[in-house]
N, C-alpha and C. Protein backbone atom coordinates (compact mmCIF):
# COMPACT_ATOMS: atom_id res chain seq x y z
N MET A 1 86.43 252.12 100.24
CA MET A 1 87.13 253.28 100.40
C MET A 1 85.95 254.27 101.00
N ASN A 2 86.21 255.10 101.98
CA ASN A 2 85.18 255.99 102.49
C ASN A 2 85.19 257.29 101.79
N PRO A 3 84.00 257.94 101.85
CA PRO A 3 84.00 259.33 101.24
C PRO A 3 84.88 260.32 101.86
N ILE A 4 85.40 261.06 101.06
CA ILE A 4 86.37 262.22 101.49
C ILE A 4 85.38 263.36 101.88
N LEU A 5 85.79 263.93 103.02
CA LEU A 5 84.90 264.94 103.63
C LEU A 5 85.40 266.26 103.07
N LYS A 6 84.76 267.37 103.07
CA LYS A 6 85.01 268.59 102.68
C LYS A 6 85.76 269.15 104.04
N ILE A 7 86.94 269.72 103.67
CA ILE A 7 87.61 270.37 104.96
C ILE A 7 87.19 271.81 104.91
N ARG A 8 86.66 272.31 105.98
CA ARG A 8 86.18 273.66 106.16
C ARG A 8 87.40 274.67 106.34
N ILE A 9 87.23 275.84 105.76
CA ILE A 9 88.39 276.61 105.71
C ILE A 9 88.22 277.93 106.57
N TYR A 10 89.38 278.66 106.92
CA TYR A 10 89.15 279.90 107.64
C TYR A 10 88.10 280.72 107.19
N GLY A 11 87.41 281.22 108.17
CA GLY A 11 86.10 282.06 107.87
C GLY A 11 84.95 281.19 108.08
N ASP A 12 85.04 279.99 108.00
CA ASP A 12 83.71 279.07 108.29
C ASP A 12 83.49 279.05 109.96
N SER A 13 82.22 279.31 110.18
CA SER A 13 81.82 279.51 111.66
C SER A 13 81.98 278.30 112.35
N CYS A 14 82.06 277.17 111.66
CA CYS A 14 82.00 275.79 112.32
C CYS A 14 83.50 275.72 113.15
N LEU A 15 84.34 276.48 112.52
CA LEU A 15 85.79 276.29 113.12
C LEU A 15 85.95 277.04 114.47
N ARG A 16 85.14 278.01 114.64
CA ARG A 16 85.15 278.76 115.97
C ARG A 16 84.20 278.37 116.98
N LYS A 17 83.25 277.26 116.75
CA LYS A 17 82.37 276.72 117.83
C LYS A 17 82.98 275.59 118.74
N ARG A 18 82.53 275.70 119.99
CA ARG A 18 82.88 274.68 121.04
C ARG A 18 82.35 273.36 120.50
N SER A 19 82.94 272.23 120.56
CA SER A 19 82.28 271.03 120.18
C SER A 19 81.73 270.21 121.35
N THR A 20 80.79 269.45 121.06
CA THR A 20 80.06 268.82 122.21
C THR A 20 80.59 267.41 122.23
N PRO A 21 80.66 266.80 123.60
CA PRO A 21 81.12 265.40 123.83
C PRO A 21 80.24 264.37 122.97
N VAL A 22 80.89 263.37 122.72
CA VAL A 22 80.27 262.28 121.98
C VAL A 22 79.66 261.18 123.06
N GLY A 23 78.34 260.80 122.99
CA GLY A 23 77.96 259.70 123.76
C GLY A 23 78.68 258.28 123.54
N THR A 24 78.01 257.45 123.12
CA THR A 24 78.60 256.09 122.67
C THR A 24 79.01 256.16 121.23
N VAL A 25 80.14 255.66 120.92
CA VAL A 25 80.64 255.49 119.73
C VAL A 25 80.03 254.33 119.03
N GLY A 26 79.18 254.55 118.10
CA GLY A 26 78.44 253.48 117.50
C GLY A 26 78.87 253.21 115.94
N PRO A 27 78.08 252.48 115.20
CA PRO A 27 78.52 252.40 113.70
C PRO A 27 78.54 253.54 112.91
N GLY A 28 77.66 254.60 113.21
CA GLY A 28 77.50 255.85 112.42
C GLY A 28 78.99 256.55 112.69
N GLU A 29 79.18 256.75 113.91
CA GLU A 29 80.42 257.46 114.45
C GLU A 29 81.71 256.82 113.72
N ARG A 30 81.88 255.40 113.74
CA ARG A 30 82.95 254.80 113.36
C ARG A 30 82.99 254.92 111.78
N LEU A 31 81.96 254.94 111.01
CA LEU A 31 82.03 255.25 109.57
C LEU A 31 82.46 256.76 109.38
N PHE A 32 82.02 257.63 110.14
CA PHE A 32 82.42 259.06 110.21
C PHE A 32 84.00 259.28 110.44
N ILE A 33 84.49 258.40 111.46
CA ILE A 33 85.85 258.45 111.73
C ILE A 33 86.74 257.76 110.70
N SER A 34 86.14 256.74 110.01
CA SER A 34 86.91 256.32 109.08
C SER A 34 87.08 257.31 107.71
N SER A 35 86.01 257.97 107.52
CA SER A 35 86.06 259.16 106.64
C SER A 35 87.07 260.19 106.91
N MET A 36 87.01 260.49 108.13
CA MET A 36 87.99 261.60 108.73
C MET A 36 89.32 261.04 108.46
N ILE A 37 89.76 259.79 108.87
CA ILE A 37 91.10 259.42 108.65
C ILE A 37 91.52 259.32 107.04
N GLU A 38 90.45 258.82 106.27
CA GLU A 38 90.75 258.85 104.66
C GLU A 38 90.99 260.35 104.35
N THR A 39 90.15 261.31 104.66
CA THR A 39 90.23 262.67 104.38
C THR A 39 91.54 263.23 104.96
N MET A 40 92.06 262.83 105.88
CA MET A 40 93.48 263.40 106.55
C MET A 40 94.52 262.75 105.79
N HIS A 41 94.36 261.68 105.36
CA HIS A 41 95.55 260.98 104.48
C HIS A 41 95.55 261.58 103.17
N GLN A 42 94.35 261.61 102.59
CA GLN A 42 94.22 262.29 101.20
C GLN A 42 94.78 263.70 101.16
N SER A 43 94.50 264.50 102.15
CA SER A 43 95.04 265.88 102.31
C SER A 43 96.47 265.88 102.68
N LYS A 44 97.15 264.92 102.96
CA LYS A 44 98.40 264.95 103.46
C LYS A 44 98.57 265.53 104.80
N GLY A 45 97.66 265.54 105.54
CA GLY A 45 97.63 266.04 107.00
C GLY A 45 98.19 264.93 107.93
N ILE A 46 98.43 265.39 109.29
CA ILE A 46 98.83 264.41 110.31
C ILE A 46 97.79 264.45 111.46
N GLY A 47 96.75 265.27 111.35
CA GLY A 47 95.70 265.41 112.37
C GLY A 47 94.69 266.10 111.55
N LEU A 48 93.27 265.69 112.21
CA LEU A 48 92.12 266.22 111.78
C LEU A 48 91.01 266.26 112.83
N ALA A 49 90.36 267.27 113.08
CA ALA A 49 89.32 267.40 114.23
C ALA A 49 88.07 267.62 113.49
N ALA A 50 87.00 267.00 114.01
CA ALA A 50 85.61 266.88 113.50
C ALA A 50 85.05 268.29 113.03
N PRO A 51 85.38 269.31 113.86
CA PRO A 51 84.93 270.59 113.29
C PRO A 51 85.47 271.00 111.92
N GLN A 52 86.78 270.50 111.57
CA GLN A 52 87.33 270.87 110.38
C GLN A 52 86.55 270.32 109.17
N VAL A 53 85.72 269.30 109.45
CA VAL A 53 84.93 268.73 108.35
C VAL A 53 83.44 268.92 108.64
N GLY A 54 83.17 269.94 109.43
CA GLY A 54 81.84 270.37 109.62
C GLY A 54 80.90 269.84 110.69
N LEU A 55 81.50 269.06 111.66
CA LEU A 55 80.70 268.49 112.77
C LEU A 55 81.42 268.85 114.15
N ASN A 56 80.64 269.56 114.93
CA ASN A 56 81.24 270.07 116.06
C ASN A 56 81.06 268.89 117.22
N HIS A 57 81.47 267.92 117.06
CA HIS A 57 81.59 266.87 118.08
C HIS A 57 83.16 266.48 118.50
N GLN A 58 83.37 266.03 119.66
CA GLN A 58 84.72 265.84 120.17
C GLN A 58 85.36 264.62 119.61
N ILE A 59 85.76 264.78 118.42
CA ILE A 59 86.53 263.63 117.85
C ILE A 59 87.74 264.05 117.03
N ILE A 60 88.89 263.57 117.24
CA ILE A 60 90.00 263.82 116.46
C ILE A 60 90.65 262.49 115.95
N VAL A 61 91.33 262.69 114.92
CA VAL A 61 92.32 261.73 114.34
C VAL A 61 93.62 262.09 114.16
N VAL A 62 94.63 261.39 114.39
CA VAL A 62 95.98 261.73 114.25
C VAL A 62 96.66 260.47 113.58
N ASP A 63 97.71 260.90 112.75
CA ASP A 63 98.71 259.74 112.36
C ASP A 63 99.99 260.56 112.06
N VAL A 64 100.93 260.36 113.02
CA VAL A 64 102.24 260.92 112.86
C VAL A 64 103.20 260.02 112.26
N GLY A 65 102.79 258.90 111.70
CA GLY A 65 103.60 257.78 111.13
C GLY A 65 103.41 256.41 111.74
N ASP A 66 102.83 256.52 112.74
CA ASP A 66 102.65 255.03 113.40
C ASP A 66 101.29 254.50 113.23
N GLY A 67 100.50 255.01 112.38
CA GLY A 67 99.14 254.44 112.21
C GLY A 67 98.12 255.42 112.68
N PRO A 68 96.97 255.45 112.38
CA PRO A 68 95.88 256.18 112.82
C PRO A 68 95.53 256.07 114.35
N LEU A 69 95.41 257.17 115.10
CA LEU A 69 94.96 257.15 116.45
C LEU A 69 93.67 258.03 116.53
N VAL A 70 92.76 257.52 117.10
CA VAL A 70 91.34 258.10 117.42
C VAL A 70 91.18 258.46 118.65
N LEU A 71 90.72 259.65 119.00
CA LEU A 71 90.73 260.08 120.25
C LEU A 71 89.28 260.88 120.36
N VAL A 72 88.26 260.16 121.19
CA VAL A 72 86.90 260.67 121.21
C VAL A 72 86.92 261.42 122.79
N ASN A 73 86.25 262.56 122.90
CA ASN A 73 86.33 263.32 124.03
C ASN A 73 87.59 263.37 124.74
N PRO A 74 88.74 263.85 123.95
CA PRO A 74 90.05 263.97 124.69
C PRO A 74 90.15 265.08 125.70
N LYS A 75 90.84 264.73 126.66
CA LYS A 75 91.18 265.72 127.86
C LYS A 75 92.54 265.51 128.28
N ILE A 76 93.29 266.74 128.27
CA ILE A 76 94.64 266.75 128.76
C ILE A 76 94.69 266.71 130.26
N LEU A 77 95.38 265.79 130.79
CA LEU A 77 95.31 265.51 132.26
C LEU A 77 96.57 266.22 132.93
N LYS A 78 97.65 266.15 132.17
CA LYS A 78 99.08 266.59 132.65
C LYS A 78 99.81 267.20 131.54
N LYS A 79 100.57 268.32 132.02
CA LYS A 79 101.38 269.00 130.93
C LYS A 79 102.80 269.21 131.54
N ARG A 80 103.90 269.03 130.47
CA ARG A 80 105.14 269.22 131.13
C ARG A 80 105.95 269.76 130.03
N GLY A 81 106.96 270.59 130.39
CA GLY A 81 107.88 271.30 129.52
C GLY A 81 107.27 272.33 128.65
N SER A 82 108.02 272.83 127.65
CA SER A 82 107.70 273.84 126.78
C SER A 82 108.43 273.78 125.51
N ALA A 83 107.70 273.96 124.32
CA ALA A 83 108.67 273.95 123.02
C ALA A 83 107.89 274.80 122.08
N MET A 84 108.62 275.65 121.27
CA MET A 84 108.17 276.49 120.40
C MET A 84 108.34 275.75 119.01
N LEU A 85 107.49 275.65 118.04
CA LEU A 85 107.48 274.92 116.87
C LEU A 85 106.59 275.62 115.94
N GLU A 86 107.03 275.51 114.45
CA GLU A 86 106.05 276.23 113.49
C GLU A 86 104.87 275.21 113.10
N GLU A 87 103.77 275.65 113.16
CA GLU A 87 102.66 274.74 112.84
C GLU A 87 101.90 275.41 111.58
N GLY A 88 101.26 274.44 110.73
CA GLY A 88 100.37 274.85 109.70
C GLY A 88 99.07 274.07 110.12
N CYS A 89 98.11 274.42 109.17
CA CYS A 89 96.73 273.77 109.50
C CYS A 89 95.95 273.55 108.17
N LEU A 90 95.46 272.40 107.99
CA LEU A 90 94.67 272.09 106.75
C LEU A 90 93.47 273.12 106.57
N SER A 91 93.06 273.73 107.63
CA SER A 91 91.95 274.68 107.49
C SER A 91 92.43 276.31 107.07
N ILE A 92 93.70 276.32 107.07
CA ILE A 92 94.27 277.58 106.76
C ILE A 92 95.49 277.34 106.06
N PRO A 93 95.41 276.82 104.74
CA PRO A 93 96.41 276.43 103.93
C PRO A 93 97.38 277.67 103.55
N GLY A 94 98.73 277.58 103.67
CA GLY A 94 99.57 278.54 103.16
C GLY A 94 99.99 279.54 104.48
N VAL A 95 99.38 279.33 105.56
CA VAL A 95 99.73 280.08 106.73
C VAL A 95 100.41 279.16 107.85
N VAL A 96 101.70 279.61 108.26
CA VAL A 96 102.46 279.11 109.17
C VAL A 96 102.77 279.87 110.34
N VAL A 97 102.58 279.49 111.50
CA VAL A 97 102.96 280.31 112.69
C VAL A 97 103.71 279.54 113.65
N ASP A 98 104.48 280.11 114.48
CA ASP A 98 105.13 279.64 115.69
C ASP A 98 104.23 279.39 116.82
N VAL A 99 104.04 278.23 117.37
CA VAL A 99 103.29 278.09 118.46
C VAL A 99 103.87 277.55 119.69
N ARG A 100 103.89 278.03 120.78
CA ARG A 100 104.52 277.45 121.97
C ARG A 100 103.55 276.55 122.72
N ARG A 101 103.92 275.29 122.83
CA ARG A 101 102.95 274.36 123.63
C ARG A 101 103.71 273.47 124.65
N PRO A 102 103.11 272.93 125.52
CA PRO A 102 103.74 271.91 126.49
C PRO A 102 104.38 270.69 125.41
N ALA A 103 105.57 270.43 125.92
CA ALA A 103 106.43 269.38 125.08
C ALA A 103 105.82 267.92 125.31
N ASP A 104 105.30 267.83 126.57
CA ASP A 104 104.80 266.30 126.93
C ASP A 104 103.38 266.63 127.54
N ILE A 105 102.53 265.65 127.23
CA ILE A 105 101.31 265.66 127.86
C ILE A 105 100.76 264.14 128.23
N GLU A 106 99.89 264.18 129.06
CA GLU A 106 99.13 262.93 129.41
C GLU A 106 97.70 263.21 128.95
N VAL A 107 97.13 262.28 128.12
CA VAL A 107 95.79 262.64 127.57
C VAL A 107 94.93 261.35 127.89
N GLU A 108 93.69 261.64 128.24
CA GLU A 108 92.65 260.59 128.55
C GLU A 108 91.65 260.68 127.36
N TYR A 109 91.00 259.61 126.80
CA TYR A 109 90.14 259.80 125.85
C TYR A 109 89.54 258.42 125.67
N ARG A 110 88.39 258.29 124.79
CA ARG A 110 87.78 257.04 124.52
C ARG A 110 88.26 256.75 123.08
N ASP A 111 88.51 255.29 122.59
CA ASP A 111 88.87 254.93 121.32
C ASP A 111 87.61 254.64 120.62
N GLU A 112 87.83 254.27 119.28
CA GLU A 112 86.62 254.06 118.50
C GLU A 112 85.69 252.74 118.85
N HIS A 113 86.23 252.16 120.01
CA HIS A 113 85.41 250.85 120.54
C HIS A 113 84.99 251.13 121.89
N ASN A 114 84.92 252.52 122.32
CA ASN A 114 84.43 252.98 123.46
C ASN A 114 85.26 252.68 124.78
N ARG A 115 86.50 252.19 124.60
CA ARG A 115 87.46 251.87 125.67
C ARG A 115 88.03 253.17 126.14
N THR A 116 88.10 253.44 127.45
CA THR A 116 88.94 254.69 128.06
C THR A 116 90.45 254.27 127.96
N VAL A 117 91.08 255.17 127.37
CA VAL A 117 92.70 255.09 127.13
C VAL A 117 93.26 256.33 127.96
N ARG A 118 94.42 256.18 128.73
CA ARG A 118 95.26 257.12 129.15
C ARG A 118 96.63 256.97 128.33
N LYS A 119 97.08 258.00 127.76
CA LYS A 119 98.38 257.83 127.08
C LYS A 119 99.31 259.13 127.39
N PHE A 120 100.62 258.79 127.55
CA PHE A 120 101.54 259.75 127.69
C PHE A 120 102.02 260.04 126.18
N CYS A 121 102.13 261.34 125.82
CA CYS A 121 102.71 261.63 124.53
C CYS A 121 103.76 262.71 124.51
N SER A 122 104.71 262.74 123.66
CA SER A 122 105.63 263.64 123.61
C SER A 122 105.96 264.07 122.15
N GLU A 123 106.73 265.10 122.00
CA GLU A 123 107.18 265.44 120.64
C GLU A 123 106.05 265.85 119.68
N LEU A 124 106.17 265.26 118.60
CA LEU A 124 105.19 265.50 117.49
C LEU A 124 103.71 265.10 117.83
N LEU A 125 103.68 263.82 118.36
CA LEU A 125 102.28 263.39 118.89
C LEU A 125 101.76 264.36 119.76
N ALA A 126 102.49 264.69 120.88
CA ALA A 126 101.86 265.52 121.84
C ALA A 126 101.39 266.93 121.16
N ARG A 127 102.08 267.59 120.28
CA ARG A 127 101.86 268.79 119.72
C ARG A 127 100.59 268.45 118.70
N VAL A 128 100.48 267.58 117.96
CA VAL A 128 99.38 267.33 117.12
C VAL A 128 98.09 267.15 117.82
N ILE A 129 98.28 266.38 118.84
CA ILE A 129 96.84 266.16 119.75
C ILE A 129 96.54 267.47 120.22
N GLN A 130 97.36 268.40 120.88
CA GLN A 130 97.05 269.54 121.44
C GLN A 130 96.43 270.56 120.35
N HIS A 131 96.87 270.54 119.12
CA HIS A 131 96.52 271.30 118.06
C HIS A 131 95.09 270.95 117.77
N GLU A 132 94.77 269.64 117.64
CA GLU A 132 93.46 269.26 117.36
C GLU A 132 92.34 269.51 118.38
N ILE A 133 92.97 269.31 119.64
CA ILE A 133 92.04 269.58 120.89
C ILE A 133 91.50 271.08 120.75
N ASP A 134 92.53 271.98 120.31
CA ASP A 134 92.19 273.36 120.18
C ASP A 134 91.08 273.51 119.22
N HIS A 135 91.03 272.67 118.12
CA HIS A 135 89.95 272.89 117.23
C HIS A 135 88.61 272.54 118.01
N LEU A 136 88.59 271.59 118.89
CA LEU A 136 87.47 271.13 119.60
C LEU A 136 86.99 272.35 120.34
N HIS A 137 87.73 273.25 120.77
CA HIS A 137 87.30 274.49 121.64
C HIS A 137 87.28 275.81 120.75
N GLY A 138 87.21 275.60 119.26
CA GLY A 138 87.14 276.75 118.52
C GLY A 138 88.30 277.65 118.53
N LYS A 139 89.62 277.02 118.61
CA LYS A 139 90.75 277.89 118.69
C LYS A 139 91.54 277.45 117.52
N LEU A 140 92.15 278.42 116.77
CA LEU A 140 93.15 278.16 115.65
C LEU A 140 94.37 278.60 115.97
N ILE A 141 95.32 278.12 115.03
CA ILE A 141 96.78 278.51 115.33
C ILE A 141 97.02 280.03 115.18
N VAL A 142 96.24 280.82 114.40
CA VAL A 142 96.53 282.13 114.26
C VAL A 142 96.06 282.97 115.66
N ASP A 143 95.33 282.36 116.44
CA ASP A 143 95.05 282.87 117.78
C ASP A 143 96.47 282.87 118.70
N TYR A 144 97.46 282.15 118.31
CA TYR A 144 98.77 282.19 119.05
C TYR A 144 99.74 283.20 118.64
N VAL A 145 99.38 283.97 117.54
CA VAL A 145 100.31 284.86 116.90
C VAL A 145 100.56 286.11 117.74
N GLY A 146 101.76 286.41 118.17
CA GLY A 146 102.21 287.63 118.88
C GLY A 146 102.01 288.81 118.04
N TRP A 147 102.05 289.96 118.81
CA TRP A 147 101.87 291.21 118.06
C TRP A 147 102.87 291.35 116.93
N GLY A 148 104.05 290.79 117.13
CA GLY A 148 105.19 291.24 116.00
C GLY A 148 104.80 290.51 114.67
N HIS A 149 104.02 289.35 114.78
CA HIS A 149 103.68 288.66 113.55
C HIS A 149 102.24 288.96 113.05
N LYS A 150 101.54 289.59 113.90
CA LYS A 150 100.14 289.71 113.68
C LYS A 150 99.66 290.38 112.33
N LEU A 151 100.44 291.44 112.01
CA LEU A 151 100.22 292.12 110.65
C LEU A 151 100.53 291.20 109.42
N ARG A 152 101.59 290.56 109.51
CA ARG A 152 101.83 289.57 108.33
C ARG A 152 100.79 288.51 108.10
N VAL A 153 100.43 287.94 109.26
CA VAL A 153 99.53 286.91 109.40
C VAL A 153 98.16 287.46 108.89
N GLN A 154 97.88 288.68 109.53
CA GLN A 154 96.48 289.23 109.05
C GLN A 154 96.41 289.45 107.55
N LYS A 155 97.44 289.88 106.89
CA LYS A 155 97.62 290.06 105.45
C LYS A 155 97.29 288.75 104.84
N GLN A 156 98.04 287.83 105.20
CA GLN A 156 97.68 286.41 104.60
C GLN A 156 96.29 285.92 104.71
N LEU A 157 95.75 286.14 105.92
CA LEU A 157 94.45 285.74 106.01
C LEU A 157 93.45 286.49 105.16
N ARG A 158 93.57 287.73 105.02
CA ARG A 158 92.85 288.58 104.16
C ARG A 158 92.86 287.93 102.62
N GLU A 159 94.27 287.83 102.25
CA GLU A 159 94.32 287.09 100.93
C GLU A 159 93.61 285.95 100.82
N PHE A 160 93.69 285.09 101.92
CA PHE A 160 92.97 283.80 101.73
C PHE A 160 91.46 283.95 101.72
N LEU A 161 90.98 284.89 102.42
CA LEU A 161 89.54 285.11 102.44
C LEU A 161 89.24 285.63 101.04
N LYS A 162 89.83 286.43 100.60
CA LYS A 162 89.56 287.18 99.13
C LYS A 162 89.72 286.28 98.03
N TYR A 163 90.81 285.61 97.93
CA TYR A 163 91.32 284.82 96.84
C TYR A 163 91.08 283.34 96.95
N GLY A 164 90.73 282.95 98.10
CA GLY A 164 90.93 281.38 98.44
C GLY A 164 92.29 280.80 98.55
N LYS A 165 93.23 281.58 98.56
CA LYS A 165 94.65 281.19 98.73
C LYS A 165 95.31 282.27 99.27
N VAL A 166 96.63 281.87 99.87
CA VAL A 166 97.52 282.86 100.19
C VAL A 166 98.48 283.15 99.22
N LEU A 167 98.51 284.54 98.83
CA LEU A 167 99.40 284.97 97.58
C LEU A 167 100.87 285.11 98.02
N HIS A 168 101.00 285.37 99.23
CA HIS A 168 102.33 285.50 99.74
C HIS A 168 102.77 284.58 100.85
N PRO A 169 102.66 283.36 100.63
CA PRO A 169 103.01 282.38 101.69
C PRO A 169 104.37 282.61 102.32
N GLN A 170 104.44 282.38 103.64
CA GLN A 170 105.70 282.25 104.27
C GLN A 170 106.35 281.16 103.92
N LYS A 171 107.76 281.26 103.66
CA LYS A 171 108.45 280.05 103.33
C LYS A 171 109.18 279.57 104.57
N PRO A 172 108.74 278.53 105.21
CA PRO A 172 109.40 277.96 106.31
C PRO A 172 110.76 277.25 106.07
N ASP A 173 111.70 277.30 107.06
CA ASP A 173 112.90 276.89 106.88
C ASP A 173 112.87 275.18 106.65
N ARG A 174 111.97 274.65 107.09
CA ARG A 174 111.86 273.09 107.00
C ARG A 174 110.40 272.88 106.77
N PRO A 175 110.17 271.55 106.14
CA PRO A 175 108.69 271.27 105.99
C PRO A 175 107.83 271.38 107.33
N VAL A 176 106.61 271.89 107.07
CA VAL A 176 105.92 271.96 108.26
C VAL A 176 104.73 271.04 108.20
N PRO A 177 104.48 270.06 109.06
CA PRO A 177 103.46 269.23 109.05
C PRO A 177 102.12 270.03 109.34
N GLU A 178 101.05 269.67 108.55
CA GLU A 178 99.86 270.38 108.77
C GLU A 178 98.80 269.27 109.45
N SER A 179 98.10 269.95 110.33
CA SER A 179 97.18 269.18 111.16
C SER A 179 95.75 269.81 111.21
């Protein structure tokens, strides 16, 4: 069993920094990736980016039910369509916002064995990969909030920063996967 990593929460400067590319994925990186996967599963998340656990390197892990997928230095090559969906985030517990994203993407990345992979993704997998890539650029789901919802979300974020939790969480119509 790998060590569980501490998930950084909203307000931590690590979440707003741009991540640097990873050179070669070696034994140290593979151990870190294993700990990321363990942390994601333990936290009941479906995605996790390295900045969320304090390391600003371009590594993300995703598991939407088909087993863990590791993406190192991911780049979106193509985008198609559009879909609006509620998203949550392990780094901002209790806050859920609507985010419009491309429905389908083609992504290129290196896996944990340094192999270059190109993958077409749709639906939930595409959404989670885009959410995690945002983390690599210092972007959070609250950055997508329109003016109409900004006041409600800002109140929740102030509660989170003051009390360590959201006192008045939004109740989504359906369970929202957190990544």
